[in-house]
Amino acid sequence: MESIVVAPLQPVGALPNAATRLNPMLGVNGRTHVLVTQALAAVRAGAVEFQGENLQSERDRIIQALDFLFTGF
């Protein structure tokens, strides 16, 4: 079974105590969302349908959030 790791995006305000490094704000489809890095999950690859835009431009901030999640700094 093929799986992928995903982190949910929530609208700004849905995560009232968002930590800046752990939960970066990302622009998706013209709206600002918070990446809920601490809610990473492995799911079956076919269970997720791509509905967003390419976040390659946010790569560094996403990796910083993952580093913070796993190492604490």
C-alpha atoms as a PDB file:
ATOM      1  CA  MET A   1       0.000   0.000   0.000  1.00  0.00           C
ATOM      2  CA  GLU A   2       1.363   3.390  -0.960  1.00  0.00           C
ATOM      3  CA  SER A   3       0.984   6.146   1.583  1.00  0.00           C
ATOM      4  CA  ILE A   4       1.795   9.836   1.800  1.00  0.00           C
ATOM      5  CA  VAL A   5       2.314  12.184   4.727  1.00  0.00           C
ATOM      6  CA  VAL A   6       0.021  15.184   4.899  1.00  0.00           C
ATOM      7  CA  ALA A   7      -0.463  18.157   7.204  1.00  0.00           C
ATOM      8  CA  PRO A   8      -3.848  19.848   7.272  1.00  0.00           C
ATOM      9  CA  LEU A   9      -4.444  23.479   6.414  1.00  0.00           C
ATOM     10  CA  GLN A  10      -6.938  25.447   8.481  1.00  0.00           C
ATOM     11  CA  PRO A  11      -8.371  28.908   7.827  1.00  0.00           C
ATOM     12  CA  VAL A  12      -6.757  31.678   9.840  1.00  0.00           C
ATOM     13  CA  GLY A  13      -8.611  31.922  13.141  1.00  0.00           C
ATOM     14  CA  ALA A  14      -9.352  28.192  13.361  1.00  0.00           C
ATOM     15  CA  LEU A  15      -6.112  27.712  15.304  1.00  0.00           C
ATOM     16  CA  PRO A  16      -6.194  30.602  17.797  1.00  0.00           C
ATOM     17  CA  ASN A  17      -2.896  29.789  19.547  1.00  0.00           C
ATOM     18  CA  ALA A  18      -0.840  29.079  16.438  1.00  0.00           C
ATOM     19  CA  ALA A  19       2.919  29.109  17.006  1.00  0.00           C
ATOM     20  CA  THR A  20       4.606  31.145  14.283  1.00  0.00           C
ATOM     21  CA  ARG A  21       7.383  28.668  13.421  1.00  0.00           C
ATOM     22  CA  LEU A  22       5.304  25.532  13.901  1.00  0.00           C
ATOM     23  CA  ASN A  23       2.212  26.861  12.151  1.00  0.00           C
ATOM     24  CA  PRO A  24       3.214  29.145   9.274  1.00  0.00           C
ATOM     25  CA  MET A  25       0.538  31.042   7.412  1.00  0.00           C
ATOM     26  CA  LEU A  26       0.391  30.075   3.746  1.00  0.00           C
ATOM     27  CA  GLY A  27      -1.514  31.565   0.843  1.00  0.00           C
ATOM     28  CA  VAL A  28      -3.682  28.960  -0.868  1.00  0.00           C
ATOM     29  CA  ASN A  29      -6.181  29.778  -3.615  1.00  0.00           C
ATOM     30  CA  GLY A  30      -6.145  33.465  -2.692  1.00  0.00           C
ATOM     31  CA  ARG A  31      -6.849  32.838   1.004  1.00  0.00           C
ATOM     32  CA  THR A  32      -4.562  32.638   4.012  1.00  0.00           C
ATOM     33  CA  HIS A  33      -4.411  29.321   5.844  1.00  0.00           C
ATOM     34  CA  VAL A  34      -2.409  28.000   8.792  1.00  0.00           C
ATOM     35  CA  LEU A  35      -0.369  24.826   8.341  1.00  0.00           C
ATOM     36  CA  VAL A  36      -1.150  22.539  11.297  1.00  0.00           C
ATOM     37  CA  THR A  37       2.227  20.814  11.281  1.00  0.00           C
ATOM     38  CA  GLN A  38       1.643  19.010  14.588  1.00  0.00           C
ATOM     39  CA  ALA A  39      -1.252  17.119  12.970  1.00  0.00           C
ATOM     40  CA  LEU A  40       0.919  15.278  10.415  1.00  0.00           C
ATOM     41  CA  ALA A  41      -0.597  11.978   9.363  1.00  0.00           C
ATOM     42  CA  ALA A  42       0.151   9.147   6.975  1.00  0.00           C
ATOM     43  CA  VAL A  43      -2.765   8.340   4.698  1.00  0.00           C
ATOM     44  CA  ARG A  44      -3.364   6.045   1.770  1.00  0.00           C
ATOM     45  CA  ALA A  45      -2.226   7.895  -1.349  1.00  0.00           C
ATOM     46  CA  GLY A  46      -5.566   7.450  -3.093  1.00  0.00           C
ATOM     47  CA  ALA A  47      -7.467   8.960  -0.141  1.00  0.00           C
ATOM     48  CA  VAL A  48      -6.281  12.498  -0.872  1.00  0.00           C
ATOM     49  CA  GLU A  49      -7.351  14.533  -3.851  1.00  0.00           C
ATOM     50  CA  PHE A  50      -5.169  17.485  -4.809  1.00  0.00           C
ATOM     51  CA  GLN A  51      -7.262  20.634  -4.512  1.00  0.00           C
ATOM     52  CA  GLY A  52      -4.753  23.342  -3.849  1.00  0.00           C
ATOM     53  CA  GLU A  53      -1.975  25.094  -5.596  1.00  0.00           C
ATOM     54  CA  ASN A  54       1.714  24.405  -5.695  1.00  0.00           C
ATOM     55  CA  LEU A  55       3.346  25.493  -2.426  1.00  0.00           C
ATOM     56  CA  GLN A  56       6.908  25.177  -3.732  1.00  0.00           C
ATOM     57  CA  SER A  57       7.468  28.877  -2.987  1.00  0.00           C
ATOM     58  CA  GLU A  58       6.712  28.122   0.697  1.00  0.00           C
ATOM     59  CA  ARG A  59       9.141  25.175   0.837  1.00  0.00           C
ATOM     60  CA  ASP A  60      11.618  26.780   3.244  1.00  0.00           C
ATOM     61  CA  ARG A  61       8.923  27.790   5.742  1.00  0.00           C
ATOM     62  CA  ILE A  62       7.320  24.335   5.574  1.00  0.00           C
ATOM     63  CA  ILE A  63      10.677  22.647   6.181  1.00  0.00           C
ATOM     64  CA  GLN A  64      11.359  25.035   9.096  1.00  0.00           C
ATOM     65  CA  ALA A  65       8.005  24.015  10.604  1.00  0.00           C
ATOM     66  CA  LEU A  66       8.889  20.325  10.215  1.00  0.00           C
ATOM     67  CA  ASP A  67      12.324  20.911  11.746  1.00  0.00           C
ATOM     68  CA  PHE A  68      10.686  22.670  14.679  1.00  0.00           C
ATOM     69  CA  LEU A  69       8.198  19.807  15.106  1.00  0.00           C
ATOM     70  CA  PHE A  70      10.882  17.117  15.134  1.00  0.00           C
ATOM     71  CA  THR A  71      13.792  18.885  16.816  1.00  0.00           C
ATOM     72  CA  GLY A  72      12.257  21.740  18.795  1.00  0.00           C
ATOM     73  CA  PHE A  73      14.324  24.445  17.100  1.00  0.00           C
END
